[in-house]
Amino acid sequence: MASRRFAEVPSESLSLTMLGCAVPALACHLAFETTLWSLTAVEWRGVLGLGLGSIGLAFVVWDIGMKRGDVALLGVASYAAPVLSTLILVLFGYAQASWLLAASCALIVVGALVASGGGRKA
């Protein structure tokens, strides 16, 4: 696995990659979109929290997991995340349970089974 070859490269180096994505994204935004600055203080905290917190943290944790962790477990977790987040949204009333959601979750589970080889050892 390529990630393990770079296990000694600190995960903090991802900040350069993220900056390399953010700068062109900002340039494209300024060139092609209309900027709206009418966010409330809560919304600004949400934007900063997503960008600096959960999304940035997710990249770093994924990098650490790929370099030093159980890659198979990461694969299972990556399939489980959308199913679990959907269940949480339904349980807390932010989404309505439907057959479409159930079918979508079932397809994710099928995808996880296919990706894992259906549990068969080769």
PDB file of N, CA and C in Angstrom:
ATOM      1  N   MET A   1       0.842  -1.173   0.000  1.00  0.00           N
ATOM      2  CA  MET A   1       0.000   0.000   0.000  1.00  0.00           C
ATOM      3  C   MET A   1       0.890   1.240   0.000  1.00  0.00           C
ATOM      4  N   ALA A   2       0.593   2.158  -0.888  1.00  0.00           N
ATOM      5  CA  ALA A   2       1.418   3.348  -1.064  1.00  0.00           C
ATOM      6  C   ALA A   2       1.480   4.207   0.198  1.00  0.00           C
ATOM      7  N   SER A   3       0.378   4.297   0.917  1.00  0.00           N
ATOM      8  CA  SER A   3       0.357   5.142   2.116  1.00  0.00           C
ATOM      9  C   SER A   3       1.377   4.689   3.142  1.00  0.00           C
ATOM     10  N   ARG A   4       1.565   3.408   3.258  1.00  0.00           N
ATOM     11  CA  ARG A   4       2.498   2.880   4.258  1.00  0.00           C
ATOM     12  C   ARG A   4       3.947   3.207   3.905  1.00  0.00           C
ATOM     13  N   ARG A   5       4.230   3.411   2.627  1.00  0.00           N
ATOM     14  CA  ARG A   5       5.588   3.799   2.220  1.00  0.00           C
ATOM     15  C   ARG A   5       5.950   5.179   2.745  1.00  0.00           C
ATOM     16  N   PHE A   6       4.930   6.003   2.978  1.00  0.00           N
ATOM     17  CA  PHE A   6       5.147   7.366   3.450  1.00  0.00           C
ATOM     18  C   PHE A   6       4.746   7.535   4.907  1.00  0.00           C
ATOM     19  N   ALA A   7       4.820   6.463   5.665  1.00  0.00           N
ATOM     20  CA  ALA A   7       4.386   6.491   7.065  1.00  0.00           C
ATOM     21  C   ALA A   7       5.180   7.490   7.900  1.00  0.00           C
ATOM     22  N   GLU A   8       6.399   7.765   7.505  1.00  0.00           N
ATOM     23  CA  GLU A   8       7.225   8.699   8.280  1.00  0.00           C
ATOM     24  C   GLU A   8       6.946  10.167   7.958  1.00  0.00           C
ATOM     25  N   VAL A   9       6.224  10.415   6.884  1.00  0.00           N
ATOM     26  CA  VAL A   9       5.854  11.789   6.542  1.00  0.00           C
ATOM     27  C   VAL A   9       4.756  12.221   7.506  1.00  0.00           C
ATOM     28  N   PRO A  10       4.966  13.301   8.236  1.00  0.00           N
ATOM     29  CA  PRO A  10       3.960  13.700   9.225  1.00  0.00           C
ATOM     30  C   PRO A  10       2.623  14.071   8.575  1.00  0.00           C
ATOM     31  N   SER A  11       1.549  13.709   9.248  1.00  0.00           N
ATOM     32  CA  SER A  11       0.208  13.995   8.738  1.00  0.00           C
ATOM     33  C   SER A  11      -0.052  15.490   8.629  1.00  0.00           C
ATOM     34  N   GLU A  12       0.671  16.268   9.379  1.00  0.00           N
ATOM     35  CA  GLU A  12       0.512  17.723   9.309  1.00  0.00           C
ATOM     36  C   GLU A  12       0.875  18.258   7.929  1.00  0.00           C
ATOM     37  N   SER A  13       1.665  17.486   7.160  1.00  0.00           N
ATOM     38  CA  SER A  13       2.030  17.928   5.810  1.00  0.00           C
ATOM     39  C   SER A  13       0.806  18.002   4.900  1.00  0.00           C
ATOM     40  N   LEU A  14      -0.291  17.386   5.304  1.00  0.00           N
ATOM     41  CA  LEU A  14      -1.533  17.485   4.530  1.00  0.00           C
ATOM     42  C   LEU A  14      -2.025  18.921   4.433  1.00  0.00           C
ATOM     43  N   SER A  15      -1.609  19.762   5.380  1.00  0.00           N
ATOM     44  CA  SER A  15      -2.044  21.157   5.340  1.00  0.00           C
ATOM     45  C   SER A  15      -1.599  21.821   4.044  1.00  0.00           C
ATOM     46  N   LEU A  16      -0.444  21.424   3.512  1.00  0.00           N
ATOM     47  CA  LEU A  16       0.006  21.976   2.229  1.00  0.00           C
ATOM     48  C   LEU A  16      -0.902  21.524   1.093  1.00  0.00           C
ATOM     49  N   THR A  17      -1.318  20.266   1.132  1.00  0.00           N
ATOM     50  CA  THR A  17      -2.236  19.762   0.117  1.00  0.00           C
ATOM     51  C   THR A  17      -3.572  20.480   0.206  1.00  0.00           C
ATOM     52  N   MET A  18      -4.064  20.659   1.420  1.00  0.00           N
ATOM     53  CA  MET A  18      -5.345  21.342   1.605  1.00  0.00           C
ATOM     54  C   MET A  18      -5.252  22.794   1.141  1.00  0.00           C
ATOM     55  N   LEU A  19      -4.131  23.428   1.436  1.00  0.00           N
ATOM     56  CA  LEU A  19      -3.927  24.803   0.980  1.00  0.00           C
ATOM     57  C   LEU A  19      -3.859  24.836  -0.541  1.00  0.00           C
ATOM     58  N   GLY A  20      -3.215  23.828  -1.126  1.00  0.00           N
ATOM     59  CA  GLY A  20      -3.136  23.733  -2.579  1.00  0.00           C
ATOM     60  C   GLY A  20      -4.492  23.538  -3.228  1.00  0.00           C
ATOM     61  N   CYS A  21      -5.455  23.025  -2.496  1.00  0.00           N
ATOM     62  CA  CYS A  21      -6.828  22.897  -3.008  1.00  0.00           C
ATOM     63  C   CYS A  21      -7.640  24.157  -2.712  1.00  0.00           C
ATOM     64  N   ALA A  22      -7.406  24.755  -1.554  1.00  0.00           N
ATOM     65  CA  ALA A  22      -8.200  25.907  -1.133  1.00  0.00           C
ATOM     66  C   ALA A  22      -7.917  27.149  -1.974  1.00  0.00           C
ATOM     67  N   VAL A  23      -6.663  27.373  -2.324  1.00  0.00           N
ATOM     68  CA  VAL A  23      -6.321  28.585  -3.074  1.00  0.00           C
ATOM     69  C   VAL A  23      -6.973  28.591  -4.457  1.00  0.00           C
ATOM     70  N   PRO A  24      -6.849  27.518  -5.254  1.00  0.00           N
ATOM     71  CA  PRO A  24      -7.564  27.536  -6.544  1.00  0.00           C
ATOM     72  C   PRO A  24      -9.086  27.580  -6.380  1.00  0.00           C
ATOM     73  N   ALA A  25      -9.608  26.951  -5.331  1.00  0.00           N
ATOM     74  CA  ALA A  25     -11.056  26.994  -5.096  1.00  0.00           C
ATOM     75  C   ALA A  25     -11.498  28.424  -4.824  1.00  0.00           C
ATOM     76  N   LEU A  26     -10.729  29.153  -4.024  1.00  0.00           N
ATOM     77  CA  LEU A  26     -11.041  30.559  -3.759  1.00  0.00           C
ATOM     78  C   LEU A  26     -10.956  31.375  -5.040  1.00  0.00           C
ATOM     79  N   ALA A  27      -9.935  31.123  -5.845  1.00  0.00           N
ATOM     80  CA  ALA A  27      -9.778  31.849  -7.107  1.00  0.00           C
ATOM     81  C   ALA A  27     -10.973  31.590  -8.026  1.00  0.00           C
ATOM     82  N   CYS A  28     -11.416  30.343  -8.117  1.00  0.00           N
ATOM     83  CA  CYS A  28     -12.580  30.009  -8.951  1.00  0.00           C
ATOM     84  C   CYS A  28     -13.841  30.663  -8.401  1.00  0.00           C
ATOM     85  N   HIS A  29     -13.966  30.651  -7.083  1.00  0.00           N
ATOM     86  CA  HIS A  29     -15.134  31.298  -6.471  1.00  0.00           C
ATOM     87  C   HIS A  29     -15.167  32.783  -6.826  1.00  0.00           C
ATOM     88  N   LEU A  30     -14.039  33.453  -6.658  1.00  0.00           N
ATOM     89  CA  LEU A  30     -13.999  34.884  -6.935  1.00  0.00           C
ATOM     90  C   LEU A  30     -14.215  35.180  -8.416  1.00  0.00           C
ATOM     91  N   ALA A  31     -13.763  34.274  -9.278  1.00  0.00           N
ATOM     92  CA  ALA A  31     -13.895  34.499 -10.716  1.00  0.00           C
ATOM     93  C   ALA A  31     -15.294  34.194 -11.246  1.00  0.00           C
ATOM     94  N   PHE A  32     -15.965  33.198 -10.682  1.00  0.00           N
ATOM     95  CA  PHE A  32     -17.194  32.709 -11.300  1.00  0.00           C
ATOM     96  C   PHE A  32     -18.456  32.833 -10.444  1.00  0.00           C
ATOM     97  N   GLU A  33     -18.329  33.130  -9.176  1.00  0.00           N
ATOM     98  CA  GLU A  33     -19.502  33.154  -8.301  1.00  0.00           C
ATOM     99  C   GLU A  33     -19.685  34.525  -7.671  1.00  0.00           C
ATOM    100  N   THR A  34     -20.891  34.770  -7.228  1.00  0.00           N
ATOM    101  CA  THR A  34     -21.173  35.997  -6.488  1.00  0.00           C
ATOM    102  C   THR A  34     -20.983  35.718  -5.004  1.00  0.00           C
ATOM    103  N   THR A  35     -20.169  36.532  -4.365  1.00  0.00           N
ATOM    104  CA  THR A  35     -19.895  36.354  -2.941  1.00  0.00           C
ATOM    105  C   THR A  35     -21.013  36.978  -2.114  1.00  0.00           C
ATOM    106  N   LEU A  36     -21.538  36.213  -1.166  1.00  0.00           N
ATOM    107  CA  LEU A  36     -22.551  36.696  -0.236  1.00  0.00           C
ATOM    108  C   LEU A  36     -21.968  36.664   1.168  1.00  0.00           C
ATOM    109  N   TRP A  37     -21.932  37.808   1.814  1.00  0.00           N
ATOM    110  CA  TRP A  37     -21.345  37.884   3.150  1.00  0.00           C
ATOM    111  C   TRP A  37     -22.410  38.068   4.230  1.00  0.00           C
ATOM    112  N   SER A  38     -23.600  37.601   3.999  1.00  0.00           N
ATOM    113  CA  SER A  38     -24.689  37.836   4.940  1.00  0.00           C
ATOM    114  C   SER A  38     -24.840  36.700   5.958  1.00  0.00           C
ATOM    115  N   LEU A  39     -23.776  35.977   6.231  1.00  0.00           N
ATOM    116  CA  LEU A  39     -23.860  34.903   7.219  1.00  0.00           C
ATOM    117  C   LEU A  39     -23.930  35.470   8.627  1.00  0.00           C
ATOM    118  N   THR A  40     -24.666  34.781   9.474  1.00  0.00           N
ATOM    119  CA  THR A  40     -24.721  35.175  10.883  1.00  0.00           C
ATOM    120  C   THR A  40     -23.476  34.655  11.592  1.00  0.00           C
ATOM    121  N   ALA A  41     -23.269  35.070  12.814  1.00  0.00           N
ATOM    122  CA  ALA A  41     -22.110  34.624  13.589  1.00  0.00           C
ATOM    123  C   ALA A  41     -22.132  33.109  13.778  1.00  0.00           C
ATOM    124  N   VAL A  42     -23.304  32.561  13.992  1.00  0.00           N
ATOM    125  CA  VAL A  42     -23.429  31.108  14.162  1.00  0.00           C
ATOM    126  C   VAL A  42     -23.048  30.394  12.866  1.00  0.00           C
ATOM    127  N   GLU A  43     -23.494  30.933  11.742  1.00  0.00           N
ATOM    128  CA  GLU A  43     -23.168  30.318  10.449  1.00  0.00           C
ATOM    129  C   GLU A  43     -21.669  30.395  10.163  1.00  0.00           C
ATOM    130  N   TRP A  44     -21.026  31.513  10.491  1.00  0.00           N
ATOM    131  CA  TRP A  44     -19.581  31.628  10.309  1.00  0.00           C
ATOM    132  C   TRP A  44     -18.843  30.617  11.178  1.00  0.00           C
ATOM    133  N   ARG A  45     -19.300  30.439  12.407  1.00  0.00           N
ATOM    134  CA  ARG A  45     -18.672  29.424  13.272  1.00  0.00           C
ATOM    135  C   ARG A  45     -18.849  28.035  12.678  1.00  0.00           C
ATOM    136  N   GLY A  46     -20.009  27.792  12.082  1.00  0.00           N
ATOM    137  CA  GLY A  46     -20.253  26.511  11.424  1.00  0.00           C
ATOM    138  C   GLY A  46     -19.318  26.287  10.245  1.00  0.00           C
ATOM    139  N   VAL A  47     -19.143  27.314   9.431  1.00  0.00           N
ATOM    140  CA  VAL A  47     -18.237  27.214   8.276  1.00  0.00           C
ATOM    141  C   VAL A  47     -16.811  26.955   8.752  1.00  0.00           C
ATOM    142  N   LEU A  48     -16.360  27.724   9.717  1.00  0.00           N
ATOM    143  CA  LEU A  48     -15.004  27.531  10.236  1.00  0.00           C
ATOM    144  C   LEU A  48     -14.861  26.188  10.935  1.00  0.00           C
ATOM    145  N   GLY A  49     -15.894  25.804  11.662  1.00  0.00           N
ATOM    146  CA  GLY A  49     -15.843  24.513  12.347  1.00  0.00           C
ATOM    147  C   GLY A  49     -15.757  23.346  11.380  1.00  0.00           C
ATOM    148  N   LEU A  50     -16.486  23.428  10.279  1.00  0.00           N
ATOM    149  CA  LEU A  50     -16.415  22.363   9.267  1.00  0.00           C
ATOM    150  C   LEU A  50     -15.055  22.343   8.591  1.00  0.00           C
ATOM    151  N   GLY A  51     -14.595  23.501   8.180  1.00  0.00           N
ATOM    152  CA  GLY A  51     -13.341  23.569   7.436  1.00  0.00           C
ATOM    153  C   GLY A  51     -12.122  23.239   8.273  1.00  0.00           C
ATOM    154  N   LEU A  52     -12.045  23.827   9.445  1.00  0.00           N
ATOM    155  CA  LEU A  52     -10.869  23.623  10.288  1.00  0.00           C
ATOM    156  C   LEU A  52     -11.009  22.420  11.199  1.00  0.00           C
ATOM    157  N   GLY A  53     -12.230  22.085  11.541  1.00  0.00           N
ATOM    158  CA  GLY A  53     -12.453  21.002  12.492  1.00  0.00           C
ATOM    159  C   GLY A  53     -12.707  19.677  11.830  1.00  0.00           C
ATOM    160  N   SER A  54     -13.959  19.391  11.574  1.00  0.00           N
ATOM    161  CA  SER A  54     -14.335  18.041  11.171  1.00  0.00           C
ATOM    162  C   SER A  54     -13.732  17.603   9.845  1.00  0.00           C
ATOM    163  N   ILE A  55     -13.744  18.449   8.835  1.00  0.00           N
ATOM    164  CA  ILE A  55     -13.214  18.032   7.535  1.00  0.00           C
ATOM    165  C   ILE A  55     -11.694  17.923   7.589  1.00  0.00           C
ATOM    166  N   GLY A  56     -11.038  18.934   8.124  1.00  0.00           N
ATOM    167  CA  GLY A  56      -9.580  18.874   8.255  1.00  0.00           C
ATOM    168  C   GLY A  56      -9.149  17.715   9.136  1.00  0.00           C
ATOM    169  N   LEU A  57      -9.847  17.528  10.234  1.00  0.00           N
ATOM    170  CA  LEU A  57      -9.540  16.422  11.137  1.00  0.00           C
ATOM    171  C   LEU A  57      -9.763  15.076  10.456  1.00  0.00           C
ATOM    172  N   ALA A  58     -10.809  14.982   9.637  1.00  0.00           N
ATOM    173  CA  ALA A  58     -11.082  13.731   8.933  1.00  0.00           C
ATOM    174  C   ALA A  58      -9.929  13.357   8.005  1.00  0.00           C
ATOM    175  N   PHE A  59      -9.374  14.324   7.291  1.00  0.00           N
ATOM    176  CA  PHE A  59      -8.238  14.039   6.407  1.00  0.00           C
ATOM    177  C   PHE A  59      -7.029  13.552   7.195  1.00  0.00           C
ATOM    178  N   VAL A  60      -6.753  14.202   8.317  1.00  0.00           N
ATOM    179  CA  VAL A  60      -5.589  13.819   9.119  1.00  0.00           C
ATOM    180  C   VAL A  60      -5.787  12.439   9.731  1.00  0.00           C
ATOM    181  N   VAL A  61      -6.961  12.172  10.273  1.00  0.00           N
ATOM    182  CA  VAL A  61      -7.228  10.870  10.891  1.00  0.00           C
ATOM    183  C   VAL A  61      -7.200   9.762   9.834  1.00  0.00           C
ATOM    184  N   TRP A  62      -7.755  10.045   8.642  1.00  0.00           N
ATOM    185  CA  TRP A  62      -7.707   9.055   7.551  1.00  0.00           C
ATOM    186  C   TRP A  62      -6.251   8.764   7.178  1.00  0.00           C
ATOM    187  N   ASP A  63      -5.426   9.810   7.094  1.00  0.00           N
ATOM    188  CA  ASP A  63      -4.018   9.635   6.749  1.00  0.00           C
ATOM    189  C   ASP A  63      -3.304   8.770   7.789  1.00  0.00           C
ATOM    190  N   ILE A  64      -3.549   9.052   9.046  1.00  0.00           N
ATOM    191  CA  ILE A  64      -2.936   8.251  10.123  1.00  0.00           C
ATOM    192  C   ILE A  64      -3.427   6.813  10.040  1.00  0.00           C
ATOM    193  N   GLY A  65      -4.724   6.628   9.822  1.00  0.00           N
ATOM    194  CA  GLY A  65      -5.279   5.283   9.719  1.00  0.00           C
ATOM    195  C   GLY A  65      -4.697   4.499   8.559  1.00  0.00           C
ATOM    196  N   MET A  66      -4.518   5.153   7.415  1.00  0.00           N
ATOM    197  CA  MET A  66      -3.960   4.463   6.248  1.00  0.00           C
ATOM    198  C   MET A  66      -2.490   4.122   6.443  1.00  0.00           C
ATOM    199  N   LYS A  67      -1.778   4.956   7.190  1.00  0.00           N
ATOM    200  CA  LYS A  67      -0.347   4.718   7.391  1.00  0.00           C
ATOM    201  C   LYS A  67      -0.070   3.708   8.497  1.00  0.00           C
ATOM    202  N   ARG A  68      -0.873   3.737   9.561  1.00  0.00           N
ATOM    203  CA  ARG A  68      -0.549   2.928  10.737  1.00  0.00           C
ATOM    204  C   ARG A  68      -1.683   2.043  11.232  1.00  0.00           C
ATOM    205  N   GLY A  69      -2.867   2.188  10.639  1.00  0.00           N
ATOM    206  CA  GLY A  69      -4.036   1.504  11.178  1.00  0.00           C
ATOM    207  C   GLY A  69      -4.437   0.269  10.409  1.00  0.00           C
ATOM    208  N   ASP A  70      -5.610  -0.202  10.734  1.00  0.00           N
ATOM    209  CA  ASP A  70      -6.198  -1.371  10.100  1.00  0.00           C
ATOM    210  C   ASP A  70      -6.986  -0.903   8.883  1.00  0.00           C
ATOM    211  N   VAL A  71      -6.424  -1.113   7.696  1.00  0.00           N
ATOM    212  CA  VAL A  71      -7.028  -0.620   6.465  1.00  0.00           C
ATOM    213  C   VAL A  71      -8.389  -1.267   6.219  1.00  0.00           C
ATOM    214  N   ALA A  72      -8.529  -2.538   6.544  1.00  0.00           N
ATOM    215  CA  ALA A  72      -9.821  -3.216   6.362  1.00  0.00           C
ATOM    216  C   ALA A  72     -10.895  -2.572   7.239  1.00  0.00           C
ATOM    217  N   LEU A  73     -10.557  -2.244   8.470  1.00  0.00           N
ATOM    218  CA  LEU A  73     -11.504  -1.583   9.359  1.00  0.00           C
ATOM    219  C   LEU A  73     -11.881  -0.200   8.828  1.00  0.00           C
ATOM    220  N   LEU A  74     -10.916   0.513   8.256  1.00  0.00           N
ATOM    221  CA  LEU A  74     -11.215   1.813   7.656  1.00  0.00           C
ATOM    222  C   LEU A  74     -12.204   1.669   6.506  1.00  0.00           C
ATOM    223  N   GLY A  75     -12.048   0.602   5.725  1.00  0.00           N
ATOM    224  CA  GLY A  75     -12.981   0.354   4.631  1.00  0.00           C
ATOM    225  C   GLY A  75     -14.391   0.133   5.133  1.00  0.00           C
ATOM    226  N   VAL A  76     -14.517  -0.678   6.177  1.00  0.00           N
ATOM    227  CA  VAL A  76     -15.836  -0.927   6.771  1.00  0.00           C
ATOM    228  C   VAL A  76     -16.413   0.375   7.321  1.00  0.00           C
ATOM    229  N   ALA A  77     -15.591   1.149   8.006  1.00  0.00           N
ATOM    230  CA  ALA A  77     -16.055   2.412   8.587  1.00  0.00           C
ATOM    231  C   ALA A  77     -16.502   3.385   7.501  1.00  0.00           C
ATOM    232  N   SER A  78     -15.800   3.382   6.361  1.00  0.00           N
ATOM    233  CA  SER A  78     -16.178   4.316   5.296  1.00  0.00           C
ATOM    234  C   SER A  78     -17.543   3.968   4.704  1.00  0.00           C
ATOM    235  N   TYR A  79     -17.887   2.694   4.692  1.00  0.00           N
ATOM    236  CA  TYR A  79     -19.226   2.297   4.239  1.00  0.00           C
ATOM    237  C   TYR A  79     -20.267   2.532   5.336  1.00  0.00           C
ATOM    238  N   ALA A  80     -19.884   2.371   6.575  1.00  0.00           N
ATOM    239  CA  ALA A  80     -20.826   2.521   7.682  1.00  0.00           C
ATOM    240  C   ALA A  80     -21.211   3.978   7.928  1.00  0.00           C
ATOM    241  N   ALA A  81     -20.318   4.909   7.648  1.00  0.00           N
ATOM    242  CA  ALA A  81     -20.557   6.322   7.968  1.00  0.00           C
ATOM    243  C   ALA A  81     -21.848   6.873   7.363  1.00  0.00           C
ATOM    244  N   PRO A  82     -22.107   6.706   6.065  1.00  0.00           N
ATOM    245  CA  PRO A  82     -23.358   7.276   5.533  1.00  0.00           C
ATOM    246  C   PRO A  82     -24.608   6.588   6.078  1.00  0.00           C
ATOM    247  N   VAL A  83     -24.507   5.299   6.353  1.00  0.00           N
ATOM    248  CA  VAL A  83     -25.662   4.585   6.911  1.00  0.00           C
ATOM    249  C   VAL A  83     -25.937   5.089   8.324  1.00  0.00           C
ATOM    250  N   LEU A  84     -24.890   5.180   9.139  1.00  0.00           N
ATOM    251  CA  LEU A  84     -25.062   5.649  10.523  1.00  0.00           C
ATOM    252  C   LEU A  84     -25.528   7.096  10.571  1.00  0.00           C
ATOM    253  N   SER A  85     -24.966   7.954   9.719  1.00  0.00           N
ATOM    254  CA  SER A  85     -25.389   9.357   9.739  1.00  0.00           C
ATOM    255  C   SER A  85     -26.847   9.491   9.305  1.00  0.00           C
ATOM    256  N   THR A  86     -27.272   8.669   8.351  1.00  0.00           N
ATOM    257  CA  THR A  86     -28.680   8.682   7.930  1.00  0.00           C
ATOM    258  C   THR A  86     -29.586   8.242   9.077  1.00  0.00           C
ATOM    259  N   LEU A  87     -29.203   7.179   9.758  1.00  0.00           N
ATOM    260  CA  LEU A  87     -29.997   6.716  10.908  1.00  0.00           C
ATOM    261  C   LEU A  87     -30.091   7.784  11.990  1.00  0.00           C
ATOM    262  N   ILE A  88     -28.992   8.465  12.259  1.00  0.00           N
ATOM    263  CA  ILE A  88     -28.992   9.520  13.278  1.00  0.00           C
ATOM    264  C   ILE A  88     -29.918  10.665  12.857  1.00  0.00           C
ATOM    265  N   LEU A  89     -29.857  11.055  11.579  1.00  0.00           N
ATOM    266  CA  LEU A  89     -30.747  12.120  11.096  1.00  0.00           C
ATOM    267  C   LEU A  89     -32.213  11.741  11.250  1.00  0.00           C
ATOM    268  N   VAL A  90     -32.544  10.491  10.965  1.00  0.00           N
ATOM    269  CA  VAL A  90     -33.930  10.026  11.105  1.00  0.00           C
ATOM    270  C   VAL A  90     -34.322   9.989  12.582  1.00  0.00           C
ATOM    271  N   LEU A  91     -33.450   9.423  13.423  1.00  0.00           N
ATOM    272  CA  LEU A  91     -33.767   9.298  14.854  1.00  0.00           C
ATOM    273  C   LEU A  91     -33.988  10.644  15.528  1.00  0.00           C
ATOM    274  N   PHE A  92     -33.230  11.671  15.099  1.00  0.00           N
ATOM    275  CA  PHE A  92     -33.361  12.980  15.726  1.00  0.00           C
ATOM    276  C   PHE A  92     -34.331  13.902  14.995  1.00  0.00           C
ATOM    277  N   GLY A  93     -35.034  13.357  14.009  1.00  0.00           N
ATOM    278  CA  GLY A  93     -36.086  14.111  13.352  1.00  0.00           C
ATOM    279  C   GLY A  93     -35.637  15.080  12.277  1.00  0.00           C
ATOM    280  N   TYR A  94     -34.403  14.994  11.811  1.00  0.00           N
ATOM    281  CA  TYR A  94     -33.926  15.885  10.756  1.00  0.00           C
ATOM    282  C   TYR A  94     -34.169  15.315   9.360  1.00  0.00           C
ATOM    283  N   ALA A  95     -34.562  14.066   9.291  1.00  0.00           N
ATOM    284  CA  ALA A  95     -34.916  13.440   8.020  1.00  0.00           C
ATOM    285  C   ALA A  95     -36.090  12.510   8.287  1.00  0.00           C
ATOM    286  N   GLN A  96     -36.881  12.286   7.280  1.00  0.00           N
ATOM    287  CA  GLN A  96     -38.035  11.413   7.425  1.00  0.00           C
ATOM    288  C   GLN A  96     -37.693  10.038   6.873  1.00  0.00           C
ATOM    289  N   ALA A  97     -38.007   9.015   7.651  1.00  0.00           N
ATOM    290  CA  ALA A  97     -37.766   7.652   7.204  1.00  0.00           C
ATOM    291  C   ALA A  97     -38.610   7.377   5.964  1.00  0.00           C
ATOM    292  N   SER A  98     -38.005   6.701   5.009  1.00  0.00           N
ATOM    293  CA  SER A  98     -38.731   6.366   3.784  1.00  0.00           C
ATOM    294  C   SER A  98     -38.144   5.099   3.183  1.00  0.00           C
ATOM    295  N   TRP A  99     -38.884   4.544   2.236  1.00  0.00           N
ATOM    296  CA  TRP A  99     -38.390   3.355   1.545  1.00  0.00           C
ATOM    297  C   TRP A  99     -37.155   3.703   0.726  1.00  0.00           C
ATOM    298  N   LEU A 100     -37.097   4.912   0.216  1.00  0.00           N
ATOM    299  CA  LEU A 100     -35.934   5.335  -0.563  1.00  0.00           C
ATOM    300  C   LEU A 100     -34.679   5.358   0.305  1.00  0.00           C
ATOM    301  N   LEU A 101     -34.796   5.894   1.517  1.00  0.00           N
ATOM    302  CA  LEU A 101     -33.652   5.874   2.440  1.00  0.00           C
ATOM    303  C   LEU A 101     -33.266   4.453   2.807  1.00  0.00           C
ATOM    304  N   ALA A 102     -34.253   3.614   3.069  1.00  0.00           N
ATOM    305  CA  ALA A 102     -33.962   2.224   3.424  1.00  0.00           C
ATOM    306  C   ALA A 102     -33.275   1.507   2.267  1.00  0.00           C
ATOM    307  N   ALA A 103     -33.762   1.731   1.047  1.00  0.00           N
ATOM    308  CA  ALA A 103     -33.141   1.103  -0.124  1.00  0.00           C
ATOM    309  C   ALA A 103     -31.724   1.618  -0.328  1.00  0.00           C
ATOM    310  N   SER A 104     -31.527   2.907  -0.114  1.00  0.00           N
ATOM    311  CA  SER A 104     -30.190   3.485  -0.256  1.00  0.00           C
ATOM    312  C   SER A 104     -29.220   2.867   0.740  1.00  0.00           C
ATOM    313  N   CYS A 105     -29.653   2.735   1.987  1.00  0.00           N
ATOM    314  CA  CYS A 105     -28.804   2.114   3.011  1.00  0.00           C
ATOM    315  C   CYS A 105     -28.531   0.653   2.667  1.00  0.00           C
ATOM    316  N   ALA A 106     -29.531  -0.035   2.161  1.00  0.00           N
ATOM    317  CA  ALA A 106     -29.344  -1.442   1.769  1.00  0.00           C
ATOM    318  C   ALA A 106     -28.328  -1.550   0.639  1.00  0.00           C
ATOM    319  N   LEU A 107     -28.374  -0.636  -0.315  1.00  0.00           N
ATOM    320  CA  LEU A 107     -27.406  -0.658  -1.414  1.00  0.00           C
ATOM    321  C   LEU A 107     -25.993  -0.380  -0.918  1.00  0.00           C
ATOM    322  N   ILE A 108     -25.860   0.488   0.076  1.00  0.00           N
ATOM    323  CA  ILE A 108     -24.543   0.741   0.659  1.00  0.00           C
ATOM    324  C   ILE A 108     -24.005  -0.525   1.315  1.00  0.00           C
ATOM    325  N   VAL A 109     -24.873  -1.216   2.046  1.00  0.00           N
ATOM    326  CA  VAL A 109     -24.466  -2.474   2.684  1.00  0.00           C
ATOM    327  C   VAL A 109     -24.065  -3.509   1.634  1.00  0.00           C
ATOM    328  N   VAL A 110     -24.834  -3.601   0.552  1.00  0.00           N
ATOM    329  CA  VAL A 110     -24.488  -4.525  -0.535  1.00  0.00           C
ATOM    330  C   VAL A 110     -23.127  -4.139  -1.138  1.00  0.00           C
ATOM    331  N   GLY A 111     -22.915  -2.848  -1.331  1.00  0.00           N
ATOM    332  CA  GLY A 111     -21.625  -2.393  -1.832  1.00  0.00           C
ATOM    333  C   GLY A 111     -20.478  -2.771  -0.929  1.00  0.00           C
ATOM    334  N   ALA A 112     -20.699  -2.668   0.385  1.00  0.00           N
ATOM    335  CA  ALA A 112     -19.663  -3.053   1.347  1.00  0.00           C
ATOM    336  C   ALA A 112     -19.386  -4.543   1.254  1.00  0.00           C
ATOM    337  N   LEU A 113     -20.422  -5.347   1.104  1.00  0.00           N
ATOM    338  CA  LEU A 113     -20.242  -6.794   0.971  1.00  0.00           C
ATOM    339  C   LEU A 113     -19.498  -7.151  -0.303  1.00  0.00           C
ATOM    340  N   VAL A 114     -19.849  -6.497  -1.395  1.00  0.00           N
ATOM    341  CA  VAL A 114     -19.165  -6.744  -2.666  1.00  0.00           C
ATOM    342  C   VAL A 114     -17.696  -6.345  -2.556  1.00  0.00           C
ATOM    343  N   ALA A 115     -17.439  -5.178  -1.960  1.00  0.00           N
ATOM    344  CA  ALA A 115     -16.061  -4.701  -1.829  1.00  0.00           C
ATOM    345  C   ALA A 115     -15.221  -5.601  -0.941  1.00  0.00           C
ATOM    346  N   SER A 116     -15.863  -6.217   0.039  1.00  0.00           N
ATOM    347  CA  SER A 116     -15.110  -7.085   0.945  1.00  0.00           C
ATOM    348  C   SER A 116     -15.010  -8.498   0.421  1.00  0.00           C
ATOM    349  N   GLY A 117     -15.577  -8.769  -0.737  1.00  0.00           N
ATOM    350  CA  GLY A 117     -15.548 -10.118  -1.291  1.00  0.00           C
ATOM    351  C   GLY A 117     -16.593 -11.012  -0.687  1.00  0.00           C
ATOM    352  N   GLY A 118     -17.591 -10.416  -0.063  1.00  0.00           N
ATOM    353  CA  GLY A 118     -18.678 -11.188   0.526  1.00  0.00           C
ATOM    354  C   GLY A 118     -18.238 -12.019   1.720  1.00  0.00           C
ATOM    355  N   GLY A 119     -17.117 -11.642   2.318  1.00  0.00           N
ATOM    356  CA  GLY A 119     -16.639 -12.364   3.494  1.00  0.00           C
ATOM    357  C   GLY A 119     -15.832 -13.606   3.160  1.00  0.00           C
ATOM    358  N   ARG A 120     -15.631 -13.878   1.869  1.00  0.00           N
ATOM    359  CA  ARG A 120     -14.853 -15.054   1.459  1.00  0.00           C
ATOM    360  C   ARG A 120     -13.367 -14.752   1.526  1.00  0.00           C
ATOM    361  N   LYS A 121     -12.617 -15.726   1.913  1.00  0.00           N
ATOM    362  CA  LYS A 121     -11.160 -15.609   1.928  1.00  0.00           C
ATOM    363  C   LYS A 121     -10.613 -16.133   0.609  1.00  0.00           C
ATOM    364  N   ALA A 122      -9.772 -15.343  -0.023  1.00  0.00           N
ATOM    365  CA  ALA A 122      -9.215 -15.769  -1.305  1.00  0.00           C
ATOM    366  C   ALA A 122      -7.966 -16.604  -1.117  1.00  0.00           C
TER     367      ALA A 122
END
